[in-house]
Protein backbone atom coordinates (compact mmCIF):
# COMPACT_ATOMS: atom_id res chain seq x y z
CA UNK A 1 80.20 211.92 154.25
CA UNK A 2 77.88 208.86 155.13
CA UNK A 3 81.20 206.57 154.13
CA UNK A 4 83.23 208.09 156.50
CA UNK A 5 81.05 208.08 159.00
CA UNK A 6 80.18 204.53 159.11
CA UNK A 7 84.06 203.85 158.77
CA UNK A 8 84.19 205.48 161.90
CA UNK A 9 81.40 203.58 163.65
CA UNK A 10 82.84 200.34 162.57
CA UNK A 11 85.98 200.86 163.60
CA UNK A 12 84.67 201.74 166.83
CA UNK A 13 82.43 198.86 167.11
CA UNK A 14 84.39 196.26 165.48
CA UNK A 15 86.18 194.60 168.75
CA UNK A 16 82.70 194.62 170.74
CA UNK A 17 80.90 192.93 167.87
CA UNK A 18 83.57 190.14 167.72
CA UNK A 19 83.19 189.50 171.21
CA UNK A 20 79.14 189.03 170.51
CA UNK A 21 79.34 186.83 167.40
CA UNK A 22 78.42 183.62 169.03
CA UNK A 23 75.61 185.01 171.18
CA UNK A 24 74.35 187.08 168.20
CA UNK A 25 74.35 184.18 165.98
CA UNK A 26 72.42 182.39 167.85
CA UNK A 27 69.90 184.69 168.42
CA UNK A 28 69.94 185.72 164.49
CA UNK A 29 69.12 181.55 164.19
CA UNK A 30 66.25 181.13 166.91
CA UNK A 31 64.95 184.45 165.60
CA UNK A 32 64.21 183.09 162.23
CA UNK A 33 63.89 179.52 163.09
CA UNK A 34 60.30 179.22 161.63
CA UNK A 35 59.80 182.02 159.19
CA UNK A 36 63.04 181.88 156.87
CA UNK A 37 63.92 178.33 156.03
CA UNK A 38 66.71 177.59 154.05
CA UNK A 39 65.47 175.23 151.60
CA UNK A 40 64.92 177.11 147.97
CA UNK A 41 66.64 176.74 144.84
CA UNK A 42 67.94 179.91 142.43
CA UNK A 43 64.26 179.04 140.79
CA UNK A 44 62.64 179.99 144.17
CA UNK A 45 64.63 182.81 144.58
CA UNK A 46 63.77 183.98 141.41
CA UNK A 47 60.01 183.56 142.12
CA UNK A 48 60.78 185.55 145.35
CA UNK A 49 62.43 188.52 143.89
CA UNK A 50 59.68 188.93 141.17
CA UNK A 51 56.66 189.07 143.28
CA UNK A 52 58.76 191.61 145.80
CA UNK A 53 59.54 193.79 142.98
CA UNK A 54 57.68 193.35 140.16
CA UNK A 55 54.46 194.95 141.77
CA UNK A 56 51.63 196.80 140.63
CA UNK A 57 53.15 199.85 141.63
CA UNK A 58 54.93 199.73 138.05
CA UNK A 59 51.37 200.84 136.78
CA UNK A 60 52.36 203.85 138.21
CA UNK A 61 55.36 204.25 136.08
CA UNK A 62 53.48 206.66 133.11
CA UNK A 63 52.41 208.92 135.78
CA UNK A 64 55.99 209.45 137.01
CA UNK A 65 56.82 210.29 133.61
CA UNK A 66 54.33 212.95 133.61
CA UNK A 67 56.72 214.85 135.62
CA UNK A 68 59.84 213.80 133.70
CA UNK A 69 58.92 213.75 130.08
CA UNK A 70 60.37 211.22 127.50
CA UNK A 71 63.79 211.76 127.81
CA UNK A 72 64.75 212.12 131.44
CA UNK A 73 61.51 209.40 132.03
CA UNK A 74 63.43 206.76 130.20
CA UNK A 75 66.84 207.68 131.41
CA UNK A 76 66.03 207.45 135.23
CA UNK A 77 64.11 204.19 134.61
CA UNK A 78 67.43 203.02 132.94
CA UNK A 79 69.45 204.17 135.26
CA UNK A 80 67.64 202.95 138.42
CA UNK A 81 67.46 199.16 136.56
CA UNK A 82 71.48 199.23 136.31
CA UNK A 83 72.11 200.60 140.04
CA UNK A 84 69.42 198.37 141.65
CA UNK A 85 70.41 195.18 139.98
CA UNK A 86 74.35 195.93 140.70
CA UNK A 87 73.61 196.73 144.30
CA UNK A 88 71.23 193.65 144.91
CA UNK A 89 74.26 192.02 143.89
CA UNK A 90 76.64 193.67 146.08
CA UNK A 91 74.31 192.46 149.11
CA UNK A 92 74.37 189.15 147.69
CA UNK A 93 78.37 189.12 147.85
CA UNK A 94 78.39 190.63 151.31
CA UNK A 95 76.35 188.09 152.77
CA UNK A 96 78.09 185.33 150.99
CA UNK A 97 81.71 186.74 152.23
CA UNK A 98 80.31 186.78 156.18
CA UNK A 99 78.69 183.43 155.76
CA UNK A 100 81.68 182.08 154.76
CA UNK A 101 83.39 183.74 157.74
CA UNK A 102 80.75 181.61 159.56
CA UNK A 103 78.75 185.11 160.38
CA UNK A 104 75.43 184.52 158.58
CA UNK A 105 73.41 187.48 158.61
CA UNK A 106 69.80 186.81 157.85
CA UNK A 107 68.08 190.03 157.91
CA UNK A 108 68.61 193.69 156.60
CA UNK A 109 69.14 194.82 160.33
CA UNK A 110 71.85 192.17 160.88
CA UNK A 111 73.78 193.64 158.14
CA UNK A 112 73.58 196.94 159.58
CA UNK A 113 74.52 195.77 162.92
CA UNK A 114 77.60 193.72 161.98
CA UNK A 115 78.71 196.07 159.33
CA UNK A 116 77.98 199.57 160.89
CA UNK A 117 77.53 198.68 164.29
CA UNK A 118 74.87 197.75 166.91
CA UNK A 119 72.92 201.47 167.07
CA UNK A 120 72.77 201.35 163.42
CA UNK A 121 70.88 197.94 163.02
CA UNK A 122 68.76 198.81 165.91
CA UNK A 123 67.82 202.28 165.39
CA UNK A 124 68.16 202.86 161.74
CA UNK A 125 67.85 199.98 159.51
CA UNK A 126 65.89 197.76 161.55
CA UNK A 127 62.63 200.29 161.81
CA UNK A 128 63.30 201.42 158.46
CA UNK A 129 62.84 198.14 157.02
CA UNK A 130 59.97 197.24 159.37
CA UNK A 131 58.22 200.63 158.35
CA UNK A 132 58.43 200.26 154.80
CA UNK A 133 57.77 196.51 154.86
CA UNK A 134 54.34 197.37 156.70
CA UNK A 135 53.51 200.49 154.45
CA UNK A 136 53.98 197.96 151.31
CA UNK A 137 51.37 195.54 153.03
CA UNK A 138 48.90 198.65 153.60
CA UNK A 139 49.79 200.03 150.14
CA UNK A 140 48.86 196.38 148.52
CA UNK A 141 45.28 196.34 150.54
CA UNK A 142 44.25 199.74 149.67
CA UNK A 143 45.02 198.79 146.04
CA UNK A 144 43.28 195.86 146.22
CA UNK A 145 40.27 197.51 147.70
CA UNK A 146 40.37 199.95 145.14
CA UNK A 147 40.69 197.22 142.13
CA UNK A 148 37.79 195.54 143.39
CA UNK A 149 35.51 198.77 143.76
CA UNK A 150 36.36 199.60 140.27
CA UNK A 151 34.88 195.73 139.35
CA UNK A 152 31.96 196.51 141.43
CA UNK A 153 31.03 200.31 140.14
CA UNK A 154 31.71 198.62 136.42
CA UNK A 155 29.00 195.93 136.78
CA UNK A 156 26.95 198.28 139.30
CA UNK A 157 27.27 201.89 138.28
CA UNK A 158 24.46 203.09 140.98
CA UNK A 159 26.16 200.92 143.57
CA UNK A 160 26.04 202.05 147.15
CA UNK A 161 29.41 200.06 148.46
CA UNK A 162 32.25 202.31 150.10
CA UNK A 163 35.97 201.84 149.21
CA UNK A 164 36.55 200.80 152.75
CA UNK A 165 34.09 197.92 152.47
CA UNK A 166 36.20 196.44 149.50
CA UNK A 167 39.51 197.59 151.75
CA UNK A 168 37.94 195.08 154.59
CA UNK A 169 37.12 192.35 152.24
CA UNK A 170 40.72 192.35 150.33
CA UNK A 171 41.91 192.34 153.95
CA UNK A 172 39.90 189.18 154.93
CA UNK A 173 41.58 187.32 151.63
CA UNK A 174 45.00 188.57 152.68
CA UNK A 175 44.44 187.63 156.35
CA UNK A 176 44.07 184.07 155.14
CA UNK A 177 47.14 183.81 153.05
CA UNK A 178 49.18 185.48 156.00
CA UNK A 179 48.87 181.94 157.71
CA UNK A 180 51.84 180.24 155.44
CA UNK A 181 54.23 179.12 157.75
CA UNK A 182 57.41 180.23 156.16
CA UNK A 183 58.67 182.29 153.36
CA UNK A 184 59.88 179.29 151.58
CA UNK A 185 56.44 177.87 151.70
CA UNK A 186 55.21 180.61 149.44
CA UNK A 187 57.37 179.66 146.61
CA UNK A 188 54.69 178.35 144.79
CA UNK A 189 52.39 181.58 145.32
CA UNK A 190 55.26 183.51 144.24
CA UNK A 191 55.58 181.47 140.68
CA UNK A 192 51.49 182.10 140.31
CA UNK A 193 52.39 185.79 141.23
CA UNK A 194 54.96 186.10 138.46
CA UNK A 195 52.75 184.78 135.78
CA UNK A 196 50.07 187.14 136.90
CA UNK A 197 52.28 190.21 136.83
CA UNK A 198 53.15 189.27 133.49
CA UNK A 199 49.47 189.07 132.53
CA UNK A 200 48.24 192.22 134.28
CA UNK A 201 51.22 194.14 132.36
CA UNK A 202 50.39 192.90 129.12
CA UNK A 203 46.83 194.05 129.55
CA UNK A 204 47.83 197.29 130.58
CA UNK A 205 50.28 197.38 127.42
CA UNK A 206 47.66 196.27 125.04
CA UNK A 207 44.84 198.40 126.91
CA UNK A 208 47.00 201.26 126.45
CA UNK A 209 48.05 200.96 122.78
CA UNK A 210 44.26 200.21 121.73
CA UNK A 211 43.03 203.57 123.42
CA UNK A 212 46.16 205.26 121.96
CA UNK A 213 45.31 204.26 118.65
CA UNK A 214 41.30 204.65 119.04
CA UNK A 215 39.77 207.97 118.90
CA UNK A 216 38.43 207.25 122.38
CA UNK A 217 41.69 208.51 124.18
CA UNK A 218 42.72 211.73 125.33
CA UNK A 219 44.81 214.44 122.79
CA UNK A 220 48.21 213.29 123.57
CA UNK A 221 50.44 216.21 125.13
CA UNK A 222 53.70 215.56 126.47
CA UNK A 223 54.57 218.58 127.92
CA UNK A 224 55.30 218.91 131.62
CA UNK A 225 52.53 220.97 133.64
CA UNK A 226 53.08 223.40 136.35
CA UNK A 227 55.57 226.12 137.20
CA UNK A 228 59.52 225.81 137.72
CA UNK A 229 58.97 224.64 141.61
CA UNK A 230 56.40 222.23 140.60
CA UNK A 231 58.66 220.86 137.93
CA UNK A 232 61.36 220.54 140.18
CA UNK A 233 59.86 218.77 143.22
CA UNK A 234 57.74 216.79 140.50
CA UNK A 235 60.78 215.44 139.10
CA UNK A 236 62.21 214.28 142.25
CA UNK A 237 58.31 213.07 143.28
CA UNK A 238 58.73 211.10 140.07
CA UNK A 239 62.31 209.54 141.08
CA UNK A 240 61.20 208.59 144.25
CA UNK A 241 57.91 206.73 142.60
CA UNK A 242 60.44 204.89 140.22
CA UNK A 243 62.50 203.97 143.15
CA UNK A 244 59.80 202.40 144.70
CA UNK A 245 58.76 200.31 141.84
CA UNK A 246 62.36 198.77 141.52
CA UNK A 247 62.69 198.66 145.33
CA UNK A 248 62.67 195.58 147.41
CA UNK A 249 64.19 196.14 150.84
CA UNK A 250 63.88 192.07 151.64
CA UNK A 251 66.95 191.01 149.95
CA UNK A 252 68.83 189.56 152.71
CA UNK A 253 65.45 187.98 153.97
CA UNK A 254 65.05 186.25 150.23
CA UNK A 255 68.82 185.27 150.13
CA UNK A 256 68.26 183.45 153.60
CA UNK A 257 65.81 181.19 152.02
CA UNK A 258 68.18 179.61 149.69
CA UNK A 259 69.80 176.33 150.47
CA UNK A 260 73.39 176.07 150.88
CA UNK A 261 75.45 176.58 149.18
CA UNK A 262 74.46 179.78 148.00
CA UNK A 263 77.17 180.99 146.10
CA UNK A 264 75.68 182.10 142.53
CA UNK A 265 72.25 181.59 143.11
CA UNK A 266 71.19 184.98 144.06
CA UNK A 267 72.70 186.00 140.60
CA UNK A 268 70.67 183.58 138.57
CA UNK A 269 67.25 184.85 140.67
CA UNK A 270 68.16 188.06 139.86
CA UNK A 271 68.32 187.37 136.18
CA UNK A 272 65.04 185.79 136.29
CA UNK A 273 63.37 188.69 137.92
CA UNK A 274 65.00 191.28 136.01
CA UNK A 275 64.07 189.75 132.52
CA UNK A 276 60.64 190.06 133.65
CA UNK A 277 61.23 193.95 134.76
CA UNK A 278 62.73 194.92 131.07
CA UNK A 279 59.42 193.25 129.69
CA UNK A 280 56.93 195.06 132.33
CA UNK A 281 58.35 198.24 133.53
CA UNK A 282 59.61 199.47 130.16
CA UNK A 283 56.28 198.13 128.19
CA UNK A 284 53.78 199.73 130.71
CA UNK A 285 55.80 203.01 131.17
CA UNK A 286 56.31 203.60 127.67
CA UNK A 287 52.98 202.75 126.36
CA UNK A 288 51.09 204.10 129.26
CA UNK A 289 53.12 207.56 128.51
CA UNK A 290 52.41 207.47 124.69
CA UNK A 291 48.74 206.77 125.20
CA UNK A 292 47.84 208.99 127.80
CA UNK A 293 50.56 211.73 127.95
CA UNK A 294 50.67 214.29 130.60
CA UNK A 295 46.81 212.75 131.26
CA UNK A 296 48.35 209.56 132.72
CA UNK A 297 46.74 208.71 136.29
CA UNK A 298 48.53 207.55 139.41
CA UNK A 299 47.54 204.03 138.21
CA UNK A 300 47.03 203.88 134.70
CA UNK A 301 44.10 201.50 134.81
CA UNK A 302 42.34 204.30 135.94
CA UNK A 303 42.80 206.16 132.37
CA UNK A 304 40.75 202.87 130.96
CA UNK A 305 37.69 204.41 132.19
CA UNK A 306 36.90 208.23 130.72
CA UNK A 307 35.63 210.95 133.29
CA UNK A 308 31.80 209.76 133.41
CA UNK A 309 33.02 206.50 134.34
CA UNK A 310 32.58 205.00 130.68
CA UNK A 311 34.98 202.28 129.85
CA UNK A 312 37.54 202.98 127.01
CA UNK A 313 38.09 199.43 126.50
CA UNK A 314 36.05 196.42 126.78
CA UNK A 315 34.32 195.77 130.33
CA UNK A 316 35.50 192.09 130.28
CA UNK A 317 39.09 193.57 129.26
CA UNK A 318 38.77 195.92 132.62
CA UNK A 319 37.47 192.90 134.55
CA UNK A 320 40.21 190.52 133.81
CA UNK A 321 42.80 193.19 134.36
CA UNK A 322 42.01 194.14 137.89
CA UNK A 323 41.03 190.06 138.77
CA UNK A 324 44.84 189.51 137.85
CA UNK A 325 46.00 192.82 140.03
CA UNK A 326 43.86 191.93 142.99
CA UNK A 327 45.33 188.17 142.93
CA UNK A 328 48.88 189.46 142.68
CA UNK A 329 48.56 192.00 145.41
CA UNK A 330 47.64 189.63 147.86
CA UNK A 331 50.79 187.39 146.84
CA UNK A 332 52.89 190.60 147.22
CA UNK A 333 51.15 191.56 150.72
CA UNK A 334 51.98 188.31 152.16
CA UNK A 335 56.06 188.78 151.17
CA UNK A 336 56.36 192.10 152.68
CA UNK A 337 54.43 190.77 155.99
CA UNK A 338 57.40 188.05 156.43
CA UNK A 339 59.94 190.75 158.19
CA UNK A 340 57.02 191.57 160.19
CA UNK A 341 56.03 188.03 161.01
CA UNK A 342 59.51 186.93 162.18
CA UNK A 343 60.07 190.16 164.66
CA UNK A 344 56.89 189.33 166.34
CA UNK A 345 57.26 185.39 166.24
CA UNK A 346 60.89 186.11 167.59
CA UNK A 347 59.53 187.52 170.70
CA UNK A 348 56.45 185.41 171.21
CA UNK A 349 57.11 181.83 169.76
CA UNK A 350 59.06 179.47 171.44
CA UNK A 351 62.29 177.89 169.14
CA UNK A 352 62.22 174.78 171.71
CA UNK A 353 58.79 173.85 170.65
CA UNK A 354 57.67 172.12 167.54
CA UNK A 355 56.69 174.41 164.33
CA UNK A 356 53.05 173.12 164.55
CA UNK A 357 52.77 172.80 168.33
CA UNK A 358 50.13 174.49 169.99
CA UNK A 359 52.57 176.64 171.68
CA UNK A 360 53.73 178.03 168.45
CA UNK A 361 50.94 177.98 166.29
CA UNK A 362 48.59 180.10 168.73
CA UNK A 363 50.57 183.20 168.92
CA UNK A 364 51.29 183.06 165.27
CA UNK A 365 47.72 182.80 164.24
CA UNK A 366 46.75 185.75 166.73
CA UNK A 367 49.78 187.81 165.74
CA UNK A 368 49.86 187.34 161.93
CA UNK A 369 45.79 187.95 161.98
CA UNK A 370 46.26 191.08 164.15
CA UNK A 371 49.24 192.56 162.00
CA UNK A 372 46.89 192.25 158.64
CA UNK A 373 43.97 193.47 160.60
CA UNK A 374 46.02 196.72 161.55
CA UNK A 375 47.10 197.28 157.73
CA UNK A 376 43.41 196.69 156.75
CA UNK A 377 42.31 199.47 159.07
CA UNK A 378 45.12 202.00 158.14
CA UNK A 379 44.48 201.08 154.47
CA UNK A 380 40.54 202.14 155.36
CA UNK A 381 41.28 205.12 157.08
CA UNK A 382 43.91 206.76 154.69
CA UNK A 383 43.23 205.27 151.08
CA UNK A 384 45.82 208.02 149.27
CA UNK A 385 47.75 205.19 147.21
CA UNK A 386 49.79 207.90 145.28
CA UNK A 387 51.03 210.07 148.04
CA UNK A 388 51.93 206.73 150.05
CA UNK A 389 53.81 205.34 147.09
CA UNK A 390 56.25 208.23 146.47
CA UNK A 391 56.56 208.47 150.69
CA UNK A 392 57.64 204.48 150.62
CA UNK A 393 60.02 205.17 147.99
CA UNK A 394 61.76 208.51 149.76
CA UNK A 395 62.22 207.44 153.07
CA UNK A 396 62.19 203.50 152.91
CA UNK A 397 63.76 202.35 149.58
CA UNK A 398 66.12 204.82 148.55
CA UNK A 399 68.34 204.09 151.69
CA UNK A 400 68.12 200.08 151.37
CA UNK A 401 68.24 199.52 148.36
CA UNK A 402 70.14 202.56 146.63
CA UNK A 403 72.71 203.78 150.03
CA UNK A 404 73.34 201.13 152.00
CA UNK A 405 74.36 198.10 149.53
CA UNK A 406 77.34 199.90 148.24
CA UNK A 407 78.67 201.19 151.69
CA UNK A 408 78.36 197.44 153.27
CA UNK A 409 80.74 196.46 150.31
CA UNK A 410 83.34 199.02 150.58
CA UNK A 411 83.18 198.26 154.88
CA UNK A 412 83.26 194.47 154.16
CA UNK A 413 85.79 194.21 151.28
CA UNK A 414 87.37 197.33 151.49
CA UNK A 415 88.61 197.69 148.21
CA UNK A 416 91.64 200.08 147.48
CA UNK A 417 90.72 203.84 147.06
CA UNK A 418 92.82 203.36 143.78
CA UNK A 419 90.32 201.04 142.11
CA UNK A 420 87.12 202.25 140.28
CA UNK A 421 84.61 200.09 142.07
CA UNK A 422 85.58 201.93 145.34
CA UNK A 423 84.74 205.21 143.38
CA UNK A 424 81.78 203.98 141.69
CA UNK A 425 80.24 202.81 145.34
CA UNK A 426 81.09 206.10 146.92
CA UNK A 427 79.22 207.84 143.73
CA UNK A 428 75.94 205.95 144.33
CA UNK A 429 76.07 206.17 147.83
CA UNK A 430 76.35 210.13 147.55
CA UNK A 431 74.07 210.72 144.67
CA UNK A 432 71.31 208.94 145.96
CA UNK A 433 71.60 210.15 149.36
CA UNK A 434 71.16 213.64 147.58
CA UNK A 435 68.25 212.38 145.29
CA UNK A 436 66.71 210.57 148.13
CA UNK A 437 66.65 213.90 150.76
CA UNK A 438 65.11 216.08 147.89
CA UNK A 439 62.63 213.09 147.13
CA UNK A 440 61.76 212.84 150.75
CA UNK A 441 60.94 216.48 150.84
CA UNK A 442 59.19 216.23 147.70
CA UNK A 443 57.11 213.50 149.14
CA UNK A 444 56.11 215.39 151.95
CA UNK A 445 55.44 218.76 150.13
CA UNK A 446 52.76 216.94 148.34
CA UNK A 447 51.24 214.92 150.96
CA UNK A 448 50.78 218.95 152.47
CA UNK A 449 49.61 220.19 149.13
CA UNK A 450 46.83 217.19 148.92
CA UNK A 451 46.07 217.13 152.68
CA UNK A 452 43.24 219.70 152.14
CA UNK A 453 41.55 216.55 150.36
CA UNK A 454 42.19 214.28 152.83
CA UNK A 455 39.43 212.61 154.98
CA UNK A 456 39.32 209.30 156.89
CA UNK A 457 37.68 206.64 155.47
CA UNK A 458 37.27 208.63 152.33
CA UNK A 459 35.57 206.85 149.30
CA UNK A 460 37.83 207.60 146.57
């Protein structure tokens, strides 16, 4: 249904779009002048992709397995890996095709506007991506504050500092990194981020194996809890969590950082990223679920301490793991601030003035600080990472990463209906539209069930 609807919309808007190509291209280039610089190599692309995908939400994968069990959990983890790798390559091919025709697209909403029609980019895809990226920023600030609080309580069990205080501290740290002038300027930070994600994933795997083999851990129980209704909604909620782990939502923006010619570079960057994914995602998910079974928490690091706050692994190990996680969270948050930065700076910067002129530096400093401050306040007010995680996957990442890429490809290249690739793309779009819709209901349902525990500025 989505493919048919978008085909009709594409035909209706095609002539109008052609008349607006030159004007639109000028707007795209001016809006992205300072944030999206095309100077990177395929290695830099790999750093950006890894930072945007391999992030601390992977530490929630054992929790997702508690709703799916061994077989379904590993199966969906594999399916999500294959589908996202395929879809991200589809996006890259579509971007290359339009660039060769003189219509370079730098952002997701540009793709939607040019391929589906202006209303799709302006009123659906653009707002979804903007909300998604900002929600990821909020989640990073929240999780960073939680990790800082864990370190604090471990060193000072009777400490009186509240969670929101740590969230503010982490927000201030991210505010400094947010002033990096462009996406390309983050390449060295994102290399460090890649190393950090390997480090804390290795710690999560090692800690889970250590506890699993010791007598300190819980009794292993892999049964799925709850009645039939809870199990069904739980399964779709788990799919949403896994989708969040694999999600990106900024592939066009990352490809826009590549220096021309871009042909083949995105594929190489994705190969770097998915090599890291195979090690981290599958290692953390399998070891965490094996060690803790259906008692795996929303963040596996929480299981490294018992119900009384006593560590099940050496204290220095928990310190080290959380420090690695905190450092990478800052990099992830800054990466997902880029679309927000680009939108704001398109409205308030002057492309005719130098990048580091007072006319552009002052608005940039104010706007980036303001967006980071707003994200910090929201994280402090609503510190519920698990529910945010599934909500992001259902409403943001499912449409952008699982549904739209095959639709974009079919509308751009128009493969024959007799070819397997046409029906493969249609099947992916339809299946994940259904999964996404149910996952959205499951995510909202979980929030409603947990609402009674919600409290503004809660000290979780």
